[in-house]
């Protein structure tokens, strides 16, 4: 079993890469979702996935289901 240490606001946390479901970028921090819970860590997304053992970084480019915003009208 391999554990990777990440830093959080409160204390360091050890995560087993075998149980990681996804890694998501937030506004300031990175969320690591495991089968048990979600951890918010200070490391960047690229660094977090490399530490967890990913050789390539897969990015989700699927468009969201929300309709696009209507164009803004400008009164002159």
PDB file of N, CA and C in Angstrom:
ATOM      1  N   UNK A   1       0.852  -1.169   0.000  1.00  0.00           N
ATOM      2  CA  UNK A   1       0.000   0.000   0.000  1.00  0.00           C
ATOM      3  C   UNK A   1       0.900   1.235   0.000  1.00  0.00           C
ATOM      4  N   UNK A   2       0.605   2.151  -0.920  1.00  0.00           N
ATOM      5  CA  UNK A   2       1.383   3.384  -1.047  1.00  0.00           C
ATOM      6  C   UNK A   2       0.502   4.544  -0.614  1.00  0.00           C
ATOM      7  N   UNK A   3       1.020   5.401   0.260  1.00  0.00           N
ATOM      8  CA  UNK A   3       0.288   6.577   0.719  1.00  0.00           C
ATOM      9  C   UNK A   3       1.025   7.828   0.265  1.00  0.00           C
ATOM     10  N   UNK A   4       0.257   8.827  -0.160  1.00  0.00           N
ATOM     11  CA  UNK A   4       0.819  10.102  -0.607  1.00  0.00           C
ATOM     12  C   UNK A   4       0.337  11.181   0.360  1.00  0.00           C
ATOM     13  N   UNK A   5       1.284  12.024   0.816  1.00  0.00           N
ATOM     14  CA  UNK A   5       0.944  13.066   1.779  1.00  0.00           C
ATOM     15  C   UNK A   5       0.608  14.365   1.050  1.00  0.00           C
ATOM     16  N   UNK A   6      -0.521  14.968   1.429  1.00  0.00           N
ATOM     17  CA  UNK A   6      -0.954  16.264   0.902  1.00  0.00           C
ATOM     18  C   UNK A   6      -1.169  17.211   2.070  1.00  0.00           C
ATOM     19  N   UNK A   7      -1.066  18.515   1.806  1.00  0.00           N
ATOM     20  CA  UNK A   7      -1.284  19.505   2.852  1.00  0.00           C
ATOM     21  C   UNK A   7      -2.691  20.088   2.726  1.00  0.00           C
ATOM     22  N   UNK A   8      -3.341  20.246   3.877  1.00  0.00           N
ATOM     23  CA  UNK A   8      -4.657  20.868   3.946  1.00  0.00           C
ATOM     24  C   UNK A   8      -4.559  22.082   4.861  1.00  0.00           C
ATOM     25  N   UNK A   9      -5.684  22.741   5.109  1.00  0.00           N
ATOM     26  CA  UNK A   9      -5.674  23.888   6.017  1.00  0.00           C
ATOM     27  C   UNK A   9      -5.352  23.474   7.447  1.00  0.00           C
ATOM     28  N   UNK A  10      -5.879  22.328   7.868  1.00  0.00           N
ATOM     29  CA  UNK A  10      -5.734  21.911   9.260  1.00  0.00           C
ATOM     30  C   UNK A  10      -4.473  21.103   9.517  1.00  0.00           C
ATOM     31  N   UNK A  11      -4.283  20.030   8.763  1.00  0.00           N
ATOM     32  CA  UNK A  11      -3.174  19.112   9.012  1.00  0.00           C
ATOM     33  C   UNK A  11      -2.875  18.326   7.738  1.00  0.00           C
ATOM     34  N   UNK A  12      -1.697  17.709   7.662  1.00  0.00           N
ATOM     35  CA  UNK A  12      -1.396  16.887   6.493  1.00  0.00           C
ATOM     36  C   UNK A  12      -2.309  15.659   6.449  1.00  0.00           C
ATOM     37  N   UNK A  13      -2.593  15.198   5.249  1.00  0.00           N
ATOM     38  CA  UNK A  13      -3.476  14.056   5.085  1.00  0.00           C
ATOM     39  C   UNK A  13      -2.770  13.041   4.179  1.00  0.00           C
ATOM     40  N   UNK A  14      -2.911  11.761   4.483  1.00  0.00           N
ATOM     41  CA  UNK A  14      -2.327  10.688   3.686  1.00  0.00           C
ATOM     42  C   UNK A  14      -3.433  10.034   2.870  1.00  0.00           C
ATOM     43  N   UNK A  15      -3.221   9.920   1.556  1.00  0.00           N
ATOM     44  CA  UNK A  15      -4.240   9.377   0.657  1.00  0.00           C
ATOM     45  C   UNK A  15      -3.647   8.205  -0.108  1.00  0.00           C
ATOM     46  N   UNK A  16      -4.400   7.113  -0.180  1.00  0.00           N
ATOM     47  CA  UNK A  16      -4.014   5.950  -0.965  1.00  0.00           C
ATOM     48  C   UNK A  16      -4.476   6.184  -2.410  1.00  0.00           C
ATOM     49  N   UNK A  17      -3.556   6.222  -3.381  1.00  0.00           N
ATOM     50  CA  UNK A  17      -3.942   6.499  -4.775  1.00  0.00           C
ATOM     51  C   UNK A  17      -4.903   5.471  -5.370  1.00  0.00           C
ATOM     52  N   UNK A  18      -4.956   4.268  -4.816  1.00  0.00           N
ATOM     53  CA  UNK A  18      -5.850   3.230  -5.347  1.00  0.00           C
ATOM     54  C   UNK A  18      -7.316   3.587  -5.155  1.00  0.00           C
ATOM     55  N   UNK A  19      -7.633   4.440  -4.181  1.00  0.00           N
ATOM     56  CA  UNK A  19      -9.016   4.774  -3.865  1.00  0.00           C
ATOM     57  C   UNK A  19      -9.447   6.155  -4.357  1.00  0.00           C
ATOM     58  N   UNK A  20      -8.621   6.818  -5.165  1.00  0.00           N
ATOM     59  CA  UNK A  20      -8.961   8.144  -5.687  1.00  0.00           C
ATOM     60  C   UNK A  20      -9.898   7.987  -6.878  1.00  0.00           C
ATOM     61  N   UNK A  21     -11.007   8.729  -6.845  1.00  0.00           N
ATOM     62  CA  UNK A  21     -11.986   8.701  -7.926  1.00  0.00           C
ATOM     63  C   UNK A  21     -11.710   9.815  -8.925  1.00  0.00           C
ATOM     64  N   UNK A  22     -11.492  11.041  -8.427  1.00  0.00           N
ATOM     65  CA  UNK A  22     -11.218  12.161  -9.322  1.00  0.00           C
ATOM     66  C   UNK A  22     -10.444  13.246  -8.590  1.00  0.00           C
ATOM     67  N   UNK A  23      -9.823  14.116  -9.381  1.00  0.00           N
ATOM     68  CA  UNK A  23      -9.115  15.286  -8.867  1.00  0.00           C
ATOM     69  C   UNK A  23      -9.688  16.477  -9.611  1.00  0.00           C
ATOM     70  N   UNK A  24     -10.179  17.461  -8.860  1.00  0.00           N
ATOM     71  CA  UNK A  24     -10.841  18.618  -9.477  1.00  0.00           C
ATOM     72  C   UNK A  24     -10.209  19.917  -8.992  1.00  0.00           C
ATOM     73  N   UNK A  25     -10.125  20.872  -9.905  1.00  0.00           N
ATOM     74  CA  UNK A  25      -9.578  22.181  -9.571  1.00  0.00           C
ATOM     75  C   UNK A  25     -10.690  23.078  -9.061  1.00  0.00           C
ATOM     76  N   UNK A  26     -10.428  23.742  -7.951  1.00  0.00           N
ATOM     77  CA  UNK A  26     -11.363  24.713  -7.406  1.00  0.00           C
ATOM     78  C   UNK A  26     -10.861  26.118  -7.679  1.00  0.00           C
ATOM     79  N   UNK A  27     -11.451  27.075  -7.004  1.00  0.00           N
ATOM     80  CA  UNK A  27     -11.016  28.465  -7.188  1.00  0.00           C
ATOM     81  C   UNK A  27      -9.589  28.671  -6.692  1.00  0.00           C
ATOM     82  N   UNK A  28      -9.292  28.207  -5.476  1.00  0.00           N
ATOM     83  CA  UNK A  28      -7.952  28.356  -4.924  1.00  0.00           C
ATOM     84  C   UNK A  28      -7.281  27.023  -4.644  1.00  0.00           C
ATOM     85  N   UNK A  29      -8.057  26.013  -4.323  1.00  0.00           N
ATOM     86  CA  UNK A  29      -7.516  24.734  -3.890  1.00  0.00           C
ATOM     87  C   UNK A  29      -7.889  23.628  -4.862  1.00  0.00           C
ATOM     88  N   UNK A  30      -7.413  22.433  -4.558  1.00  0.00           N
ATOM     89  CA  UNK A  30      -7.690  21.252  -5.362  1.00  0.00           C
ATOM     90  C   UNK A  30      -8.504  20.273  -4.541  1.00  0.00           C
ATOM     91  N   UNK A  31      -9.551  19.711  -5.110  1.00  0.00           N
ATOM     92  CA  UNK A  31     -10.379  18.719  -4.424  1.00  0.00           C
ATOM     93  C   UNK A  31      -9.997  17.331  -4.924  1.00  0.00           C
ATOM     94  N   UNK A  32      -9.655  16.448  -3.995  1.00  0.00           N
ATOM     95  CA  UNK A  32      -9.361  15.061  -4.317  1.00  0.00           C
ATOM     96  C   UNK A  32     -10.518  14.233  -3.775  1.00  0.00           C
ATOM     97  N   UNK A  33     -11.257  13.596  -4.679  1.00  0.00           N
ATOM     98  CA  UNK A  33     -12.429  12.807  -4.305  1.00  0.00           C
ATOM     99  C   UNK A  33     -12.016  11.342  -4.232  1.00  0.00           C
ATOM    100  N   UNK A  34     -12.207  10.739  -3.054  1.00  0.00           N
ATOM    101  CA  UNK A  34     -11.933   9.310  -2.882  1.00  0.00           C
ATOM    102  C   UNK A  34     -13.264   8.592  -2.699  1.00  0.00           C
ATOM    103  N   UNK A  35     -13.201   7.271  -2.550  1.00  0.00           N
ATOM    104  CA  UNK A  35     -14.437   6.520  -2.352  1.00  0.00           C
ATOM    105  C   UNK A  35     -15.054   6.823  -0.996  1.00  0.00           C
ATOM    106  N   UNK A  36     -14.278   7.314  -0.046  1.00  0.00           N
ATOM    107  CA  UNK A  36     -14.794   7.590   1.293  1.00  0.00           C
ATOM    108  C   UNK A  36     -15.250   9.036   1.471  1.00  0.00           C
ATOM    109  N   UNK A  37     -14.430   9.998   1.028  1.00  0.00           N
ATOM    110  CA  UNK A  37     -14.764  11.402   1.236  1.00  0.00           C
ATOM    111  C   UNK A  37     -13.963  12.289   0.298  1.00  0.00           C
ATOM    112  N   UNK A  38     -14.213  13.587   0.377  1.00  0.00           N
ATOM    113  CA  UNK A  38     -13.511  14.568  -0.447  1.00  0.00           C
ATOM    114  C   UNK A  38     -12.522  15.331   0.424  1.00  0.00           C
ATOM    115  N   UNK A  39     -11.296  15.467  -0.066  1.00  0.00           N
ATOM    116  CA  UNK A  39     -10.264  16.230   0.630  1.00  0.00           C
ATOM    117  C   UNK A  39      -9.957  17.477  -0.186  1.00  0.00           C
ATOM    118  N   UNK A  40      -9.799  18.616   0.478  1.00  0.00           N
ATOM    119  CA  UNK A  40      -9.401  19.865  -0.177  1.00  0.00           C
ATOM    120  C   UNK A  40      -7.949  20.105   0.205  1.00  0.00           C
ATOM    121  N   UNK A  41      -7.067  20.062  -0.805  1.00  0.00           N
ATOM    122  CA  UNK A  41      -5.634  20.165  -0.558  1.00  0.00           C
ATOM    123  C   UNK A  41      -5.078  21.422  -1.211  1.00  0.00           C
ATOM    124  N   UNK A  42      -3.880  21.822  -0.811  1.00  0.00           N
ATOM    125  CA  UNK A  42      -3.256  23.055  -1.290  1.00  0.00           C
ATOM    126  C   UNK A  42      -2.451  22.871  -2.570  1.00  0.00           C
ATOM    127  N   UNK A  43      -2.076  21.648  -2.930  1.00  0.00           N
ATOM    128  CA  UNK A  43      -1.249  21.409  -4.106  1.00  0.00           C
ATOM    129  C   UNK A  43      -2.020  21.724  -5.386  1.00  0.00           C
ATOM    130  N   UNK A  44      -1.312  22.072  -6.438  1.00  0.00           N
ATOM    131  CA  UNK A  44      -1.930  22.326  -7.741  1.00  0.00           C
ATOM    132  C   UNK A  44      -2.426  21.008  -8.330  1.00  0.00           C
ATOM    133  N   UNK A  45      -3.345  21.092  -9.270  1.00  0.00           N
ATOM    134  CA  UNK A  45      -3.934  19.891  -9.875  1.00  0.00           C
ATOM    135  C   UNK A  45      -2.867  19.052 -10.564  1.00  0.00           C
ATOM    136  N   UNK A  46      -1.998  19.697 -11.337  1.00  0.00           N
ATOM    137  CA  UNK A  46      -0.960  18.958 -12.054  1.00  0.00           C
ATOM    138  C   UNK A  46      -0.039  18.211 -11.100  1.00  0.00           C
ATOM    139  N   UNK A  47       0.357  18.858 -10.022  1.00  0.00           N
ATOM    140  CA  UNK A  47       1.221  18.216  -9.036  1.00  0.00           C
ATOM    141  C   UNK A  47       0.490  17.088  -8.319  1.00  0.00           C
ATOM    142  N   UNK A  48      -0.773  17.295  -7.987  1.00  0.00           N
ATOM    143  CA  UNK A  48      -1.538  16.272  -7.264  1.00  0.00           C
ATOM    144  C   UNK A  48      -1.684  14.995  -8.087  1.00  0.00           C
ATOM    145  N   UNK A  49      -2.020  15.124  -9.370  1.00  0.00           N
ATOM    146  CA  UNK A  49      -2.189  13.916 -10.186  1.00  0.00           C
ATOM    147  C   UNK A  49      -0.859  13.225 -10.437  1.00  0.00           C
ATOM    148  N   UNK A  50       0.222  13.966 -10.536  1.00  0.00           N
ATOM    149  CA  UNK A  50       1.544  13.337 -10.686  1.00  0.00           C
ATOM    150  C   UNK A  50       1.937  12.578  -9.419  1.00  0.00           C
ATOM    151  N   UNK A  51       1.667  13.169  -8.255  1.00  0.00           N
ATOM    152  CA  UNK A  51       1.972  12.480  -6.995  1.00  0.00           C
ATOM    153  C   UNK A  51       1.135  11.221  -6.822  1.00  0.00           C
ATOM    154  N   UNK A  52      -0.087  11.244  -7.351  1.00  0.00           N
ATOM    155  CA  UNK A  52      -0.963  10.083  -7.248  1.00  0.00           C
ATOM    156  C   UNK A  52      -0.609   9.002  -8.265  1.00  0.00           C
ATOM    157  N   UNK A  53       0.305   9.287  -9.186  1.00  0.00           N
ATOM    158  CA  UNK A  53       0.796   8.265 -10.090  1.00  0.00           C
ATOM    159  C   UNK A  53       0.266   8.319 -11.506  1.00  0.00           C
ATOM    160  N   UNK A  54      -0.413   9.384 -11.886  1.00  0.00           N
ATOM    161  CA  UNK A  54      -0.924   9.477 -13.254  1.00  0.00           C
ATOM    162  C   UNK A  54       0.218   9.828 -14.199  1.00  0.00           C
ATOM    163  N   UNK A  55       0.257   9.151 -15.333  1.00  0.00           N
ATOM    164  CA  UNK A  55       1.290   9.448 -16.312  1.00  0.00           C
ATOM    165  C   UNK A  55       0.821  10.507 -17.300  1.00  0.00           C
ATOM    166  N   UNK A  56      -0.488  10.578 -17.518  1.00  0.00           N
ATOM    167  CA  UNK A  56      -1.058  11.600 -18.385  1.00  0.00           C
ATOM    168  C   UNK A  56      -2.188  12.290 -17.642  1.00  0.00           C
ATOM    169  N   UNK A  57      -2.389  13.538 -17.958  1.00  0.00           N
ATOM    170  CA  UNK A  57      -3.459  14.309 -17.324  1.00  0.00           C
ATOM    171  C   UNK A  57      -4.641  14.367 -18.283  1.00  0.00           C
ATOM    172  N   UNK A  58      -5.718  13.649 -17.957  1.00  0.00           N
ATOM    173  CA  UNK A  58      -6.920  13.651 -18.793  1.00  0.00           C
ATOM    174  C   UNK A  58      -7.797  14.813 -18.370  1.00  0.00           C
ATOM    175  N   UNK A  59      -8.144  15.652 -19.314  1.00  0.00           N
ATOM    176  CA  UNK A  59      -8.994  16.812 -19.014  1.00  0.00           C
ATOM    177  C   UNK A  59     -10.381  16.572 -19.572  1.00  0.00           C
ATOM    178  N   UNK A  60     -11.383  16.905 -18.778  1.00  0.00           N
ATOM    179  CA  UNK A  60     -12.771  16.755 -19.201  1.00  0.00           C
ATOM    180  C   UNK A  60     -13.176  18.009 -19.957  1.00  0.00           C
ATOM    181  N   UNK A  61     -13.434  17.848 -21.250  1.00  0.00           N
ATOM    182  CA  UNK A  61     -13.814  18.995 -22.077  1.00  0.00           C
ATOM    183  C   UNK A  61     -15.266  18.879 -22.535  1.00  0.00           C
ATOM    184  N   UNK A  62     -16.025  18.032 -21.847  1.00  0.00           N
ATOM    185  CA  UNK A  62     -17.430  17.852 -22.187  1.00  0.00           C
ATOM    186  C   UNK A  62     -18.195  19.136 -21.870  1.00  0.00           C
ATOM    187  N   UNK A  63     -18.965  19.657 -22.826  1.00  0.00           N
ATOM    188  CA  UNK A  63     -19.718  20.885 -22.531  1.00  0.00           C
ATOM    189  C   UNK A  63     -20.789  20.622 -21.475  1.00  0.00           C
ATOM    190  N   UNK A  64     -21.061  21.618 -20.677  1.00  0.00           N
ATOM    191  CA  UNK A  64     -22.073  21.459 -19.641  1.00  0.00           C
ATOM    192  C   UNK A  64     -23.458  21.462 -20.263  1.00  0.00           C
ATOM    193  N   UNK A  65     -24.417  20.944 -19.532  1.00  0.00           N
ATOM    194  CA  UNK A  65     -25.786  20.856 -20.035  1.00  0.00           C
ATOM    195  C   UNK A  65     -26.558  22.160 -19.880  1.00  0.00           C
ATOM    196  N   UNK A  66     -25.982  23.130 -19.191  1.00  0.00           N
ATOM    197  CA  UNK A  66     -26.661  24.413 -18.999  1.00  0.00           C
ATOM    198  C   UNK A  66     -26.710  25.161 -20.331  1.00  0.00           C
ATOM    199  N   UNK A  67     -27.826  25.810 -20.631  1.00  0.00           N
ATOM    200  CA  UNK A  67     -27.909  26.560 -21.894  1.00  0.00           C
ATOM    201  C   UNK A  67     -26.974  27.758 -21.852  1.00  0.00           C
ATOM    202  N   UNK A  68     -26.472  28.173 -23.002  1.00  0.00           N
ATOM    203  CA  UNK A  68     -25.568  29.333 -23.014  1.00  0.00           C
ATOM    204  C   UNK A  68     -26.319  30.607 -22.623  1.00  0.00           C
ATOM    205  N   UNK A  69     -25.599  31.534 -22.060  1.00  0.00           N
ATOM    206  CA  UNK A  69     -26.198  32.805 -21.640  1.00  0.00           C
ATOM    207  C   UNK A  69     -26.606  33.600 -22.869  1.00  0.00           C
ATOM    208  N   UNK A  70     -27.760  34.269 -22.790  1.00  0.00           N
ATOM    209  CA  UNK A  70     -28.181  35.087 -23.937  1.00  0.00           C
ATOM    210  C   UNK A  70     -27.222  36.260 -24.120  1.00  0.00           C
ATOM    211  N   UNK A  71     -27.092  36.749 -25.330  1.00  0.00           N
ATOM    212  CA  UNK A  71     -26.187  37.888 -25.548  1.00  0.00           C
ATOM    213  C   UNK A  71     -26.687  39.123 -24.819  1.00  0.00           C
ATOM    214  N   UNK A  72     -25.756  39.899 -24.334  1.00  0.00           N
ATOM    215  CA  UNK A  72     -26.119  41.109 -23.608  1.00  0.00           C
ATOM    216  C   UNK A  72     -26.468  42.216 -24.596  1.00  0.00           C
ATOM    217  N   UNK A  73     -27.495  42.947 -24.288  1.00  0.00           N
ATOM    218  CA  UNK A  73     -27.864  44.069 -25.150  1.00  0.00           C
ATOM    219  C   UNK A  73     -27.188  45.332 -24.621  1.00  0.00           C
ATOM    220  N   UNK A  74     -26.691  46.112 -25.548  1.00  0.00           N
ATOM    221  CA  UNK A  74     -26.007  47.349 -25.187  1.00  0.00           C
ATOM    222  C   UNK A  74     -26.809  48.505 -25.761  1.00  0.00           C
ATOM    223  N   UNK A  75     -27.249  49.419 -24.908  1.00  0.00           N
ATOM    224  CA  UNK A  75     -27.988  50.602 -25.355  1.00  0.00           C
ATOM    225  C   UNK A  75     -26.998  51.726 -25.617  1.00  0.00           C
ATOM    226  N   UNK A  76     -27.080  52.283 -26.804  1.00  0.00           N
ATOM    227  CA  UNK A  76     -26.191  53.398 -27.142  1.00  0.00           C
ATOM    228  C   UNK A  76     -26.896  54.715 -27.052  1.00  0.00           C
TER     229      UNK A  76
END
